[in-house]
C-alpha atoms as a PDB file:
ATOM      1  CA  MET A   1      10.987   9.366   3.609  1.00  0.00           C
ATOM      2  CA  PRO A   2      11.944   7.132   6.541  1.00  0.00           C
ATOM      3  CA  VAL A   3       9.087   5.810   8.646  1.00  0.00           C
ATOM      4  CA  ASP A   4       8.828   7.715  11.933  1.00  0.00           C
ATOM      5  CA  GLN A   5       6.944   5.492  14.385  1.00  0.00           C
ATOM      6  CA  ARG A   6       6.198   8.507  16.620  1.00  0.00           C
ATOM      7  CA  ARG A   7       4.172  10.085  13.814  1.00  0.00           C
ATOM      8  CA  LEU A   8       2.346   6.867  12.990  1.00  0.00           C
ATOM      9  CA  GLY A   9       0.974   6.433  16.469  1.00  0.00           C
ATOM     10  CA  PRO A  10       0.255   3.022  17.979  1.00  0.00           C
ATOM     11  CA  THR A  11       0.250   0.388  15.269  1.00  0.00           C
ATOM     12  CA  THR A  12      -2.012  -2.625  15.208  1.00  0.00           C
ATOM     13  CA  PHE A  13       0.511  -4.551  13.134  1.00  0.00           C
ATOM     14  CA  ALA A  14       3.772  -4.343  11.248  1.00  0.00           C
ATOM     15  CA  THR A  15       3.427  -7.483   9.171  1.00  0.00           C
ATOM     16  CA  LEU A  16       6.525  -8.562   7.279  1.00  0.00           C
ATOM     17  CA  LEU A  17       5.805  -9.811   3.777  1.00  0.00           C
ATOM     18  CA  PRO A  18       8.599 -12.256   2.927  1.00  0.00           C
ATOM     19  CA  GLU A  19       6.696 -13.655  -0.059  1.00  0.00           C
ATOM     20  CA  ILE A  20       6.949 -10.264  -1.784  1.00  0.00           C
ATOM     21  CA  GLY A  21      10.628  -9.851  -1.051  1.00  0.00           C
ATOM     22  CA  PRO A  22      12.957  -8.739   1.711  1.00  0.00           C
ATOM     23  CA  GLY A  23      12.106  -5.572   3.583  1.00  0.00           C
ATOM     24  CA  TRP A  24       8.382  -5.276   2.712  1.00  0.00           C
ATOM     25  CA  GLU A  25       5.927  -4.404   5.519  1.00  0.00           C
ATOM     26  CA  ILE A  26       2.317  -3.360   6.011  1.00  0.00           C
ATOM     27  CA  ARG A  27       1.754  -0.899   8.873  1.00  0.00           C
ATOM     28  CA  GLY A  28      -1.544   0.216  10.363  1.00  0.00           C
ATOM     29  CA  TRP A  29      -3.196   2.106  13.212  1.00  0.00           C
ATOM     30  CA  ILE A  30      -5.529   1.203  16.048  1.00  0.00           C
ATOM     31  CA  ASP A  31      -7.923   4.064  15.296  1.00  0.00           C
ATOM     32  CA  GLN A  32      -7.939   3.739  11.491  1.00  0.00           C
ATOM     33  CA  ASP A  33      -8.196   0.099  10.486  1.00  0.00           C
ATOM     34  CA  ASP A  34      -9.204   0.857   6.896  1.00  0.00           C
ATOM     35  CA  VAL A  35      -5.833   2.372   5.873  1.00  0.00           C
ATOM     36  CA  CYS A  36      -2.471   0.590   5.830  1.00  0.00           C
ATOM     37  CA  LEU A  37       0.903   2.069   4.973  1.00  0.00           C
ATOM     38  CA  VAL A  38       3.252   0.055   2.792  1.00  0.00           C
ATOM     39  CA  ALA A  39       6.978   0.262   3.528  1.00  0.00           C
ATOM     40  CA  ARG A  40      10.029  -1.222   1.906  1.00  0.00           C
ATOM     41  CA  ASP A  41      13.308  -1.125   3.781  1.00  0.00           C
ATOM     42  CA  ASP A  42      11.675   1.213   6.327  1.00  0.00           C
ATOM     43  CA  ARG A  43      10.710   3.793   3.652  1.00  0.00           C
ATOM     44  CA  LEU A  44       7.094   4.500   2.814  1.00  0.00           C
ATOM     45  CA  VAL A  45       6.318   3.611  -0.805  1.00  0.00           C
ATOM     46  CA  GLY A  46       2.505   3.687  -0.833  1.00  0.00           C
ATOM     47  CA  TRP A  47      -0.630   2.754   1.005  1.00  0.00           C
ATOM     48  CA  THR A  48      -3.740   0.670   0.655  1.00  0.00           C
ATOM     49  CA  GLU A  49      -7.188   1.738   1.743  1.00  0.00           C
ATOM     50  CA  ALA A  50     -10.515  -0.023   2.107  1.00  0.00           C
ATOM     51  CA  ALA A  51     -12.948   1.276  -0.520  1.00  0.00           C
ATOM     52  CA  ARG A  52     -15.775   3.290   0.993  1.00  0.00           C
ATOM     53  CA  ASP A  53     -18.368   2.419  -1.616  1.00  0.00           C
ATOM     54  CA  SER A  54     -20.682  -0.535  -2.104  1.00  0.00           C
ATOM     55  CA  LEU A  55     -18.165  -2.391  -4.309  1.00  0.00           C
ATOM     56  CA  GLY A  56     -15.746  -2.927  -1.431  1.00  0.00           C
ATOM     57  CA  GLY A  57     -12.210  -4.216  -1.646  1.00  0.00           C
ATOM     58  CA  TRP A  58      -8.902  -2.479  -1.038  1.00  0.00           C
ATOM     59  CA  ILE A  59      -7.421   0.161  -3.367  1.00  0.00           C
ATOM     60  CA  ALA A  60      -3.630   0.354  -3.838  1.00  0.00           C
ATOM     61  CA  PHE A  61      -1.914   3.766  -3.977  1.00  0.00           C
ATOM     62  CA  VAL A  62       1.692   4.129  -5.127  1.00  0.00           C
ATOM     63  CA  GLY A  63       3.821   6.947  -3.716  1.00  0.00           C
ATOM     64  CA  PHE A  64       2.645  10.021  -1.839  1.00  0.00           C
ATOM     65  CA  GLY A  65       2.941  12.806  -4.423  1.00  0.00           C
ATOM     66  CA  GLU A  66       0.622  14.857  -6.531  1.00  0.00           C
ATOM     67  CA  PRO A  67      -1.248  13.864  -8.549  1.00  0.00           C
ATOM     68  CA  LEU A  68      -2.551  10.960  -6.525  1.00  0.00           C
ATOM     69  CA  THR A  69      -1.537   7.662  -8.151  1.00  0.00           C
ATOM     70  CA  TYR A  70      -3.596   4.516  -7.733  1.00  0.00           C
ATOM     71  CA  LEU A  71      -3.635   1.261  -9.637  1.00  0.00           C
ATOM     72  CA  VAL A  72      -6.375   0.945 -12.250  1.00  0.00           C
ATOM     73  CA  ASP A  73      -7.757  -1.758 -14.532  1.00  0.00           C
ATOM     74  CA  THR A  74      -8.031  -1.524 -18.322  1.00  0.00           C
ATOM     75  CA  GLN A  75     -11.176   0.606 -17.930  1.00  0.00           C
ATOM     76  CA  ASP A  76      -9.346   3.153 -15.703  1.00  0.00           C
ATOM     77  CA  ARG A  77     -11.296   1.998 -12.649  1.00  0.00           C
ATOM     78  CA  PRO A  78      -9.493   1.385  -9.357  1.00  0.00           C
ATOM     79  CA  ILE A  79      -8.436  -2.240  -9.016  1.00  0.00           C
ATOM     80  CA  ARG A  80     -10.289  -3.883  -6.110  1.00  0.00           C
ATOM     81  CA  HIS A  81      -8.125  -6.211  -4.024  1.00  0.00           C
ATOM     82  CA  PRO A  82      -9.647  -8.653  -1.522  1.00  0.00           C
ATOM     83  CA  ASP A  83      -7.356  -7.510   1.316  1.00  0.00           C
ATOM     84  CA  ALA A  84      -4.460  -5.211   2.245  1.00  0.00           C
ATOM     85  CA  ARG A  85      -1.832  -7.916   1.663  1.00  0.00           C
ATOM     86  CA  THR A  86      -2.953  -8.481  -1.932  1.00  0.00           C
ATOM     87  CA  ALA A  87      -3.010  -4.724  -2.561  1.00  0.00           C
ATOM     88  CA  THR A  88       0.537  -4.523  -1.187  1.00  0.00           C
ATOM     89  CA  ARG A  89       1.651  -7.204  -3.647  1.00  0.00           C
ATOM     90  CA  SER A  90       0.225  -5.044  -6.455  1.00  0.00           C
ATOM     91  CA  ILE A  91       2.146  -2.008  -5.178  1.00  0.00           C
ATOM     92  CA  ALA A  92       5.364  -4.051  -5.155  1.00  0.00           C
ATOM     93  CA  LEU A  93       4.716  -5.275  -8.703  1.00  0.00           C
ATOM     94  CA  ALA A  94       3.947  -1.755  -9.934  1.00  0.00           C
ATOM     95  CA  LEU A  95       7.167  -0.413  -8.430  1.00  0.00           C
ATOM     96  CA  ARG A  96       9.208  -3.260  -9.931  1.00  0.00           C
ATOM     97  CA  GLN A  97       7.712  -2.645 -13.375  1.00  0.00           C
ATOM     98  CA  ASP A  98       8.306   1.087 -13.091  1.00  0.00           C
ATOM     99  CA  SER A  99      11.961   0.570 -12.141  1.00  0.00           C
ATOM    100  CA  THR A 100      12.566  -1.570 -15.261  1.00  0.00           C
ATOM    101  CA  ARG A 101      11.400   1.102 -17.715  1.00  0.00           C
ATOM    102  CA  THR A 102      14.092   2.877 -19.682  1.00  0.00           C
END
């Protein structure tokens, strides 16, 4: 789905992530600073959200379908990233790995 800026509302940032690869961006809102959308080539591919429990960190979600897909560790616990940029790198890696499966 293409990103529609009118539906996103005023963004606090649209940070390009050249170290991940061309076309990657993190997008966020003024009124919801604990959720960031992740886009590649202007298409939403996932989001990252600040954990709301005492463990903290940012959780990476891939896609927007059902069931909800998030990145987990070997114990099936959500991977905690130190910030939204690191979580976005994990989303990019997960999508690259998924695209190489046959």
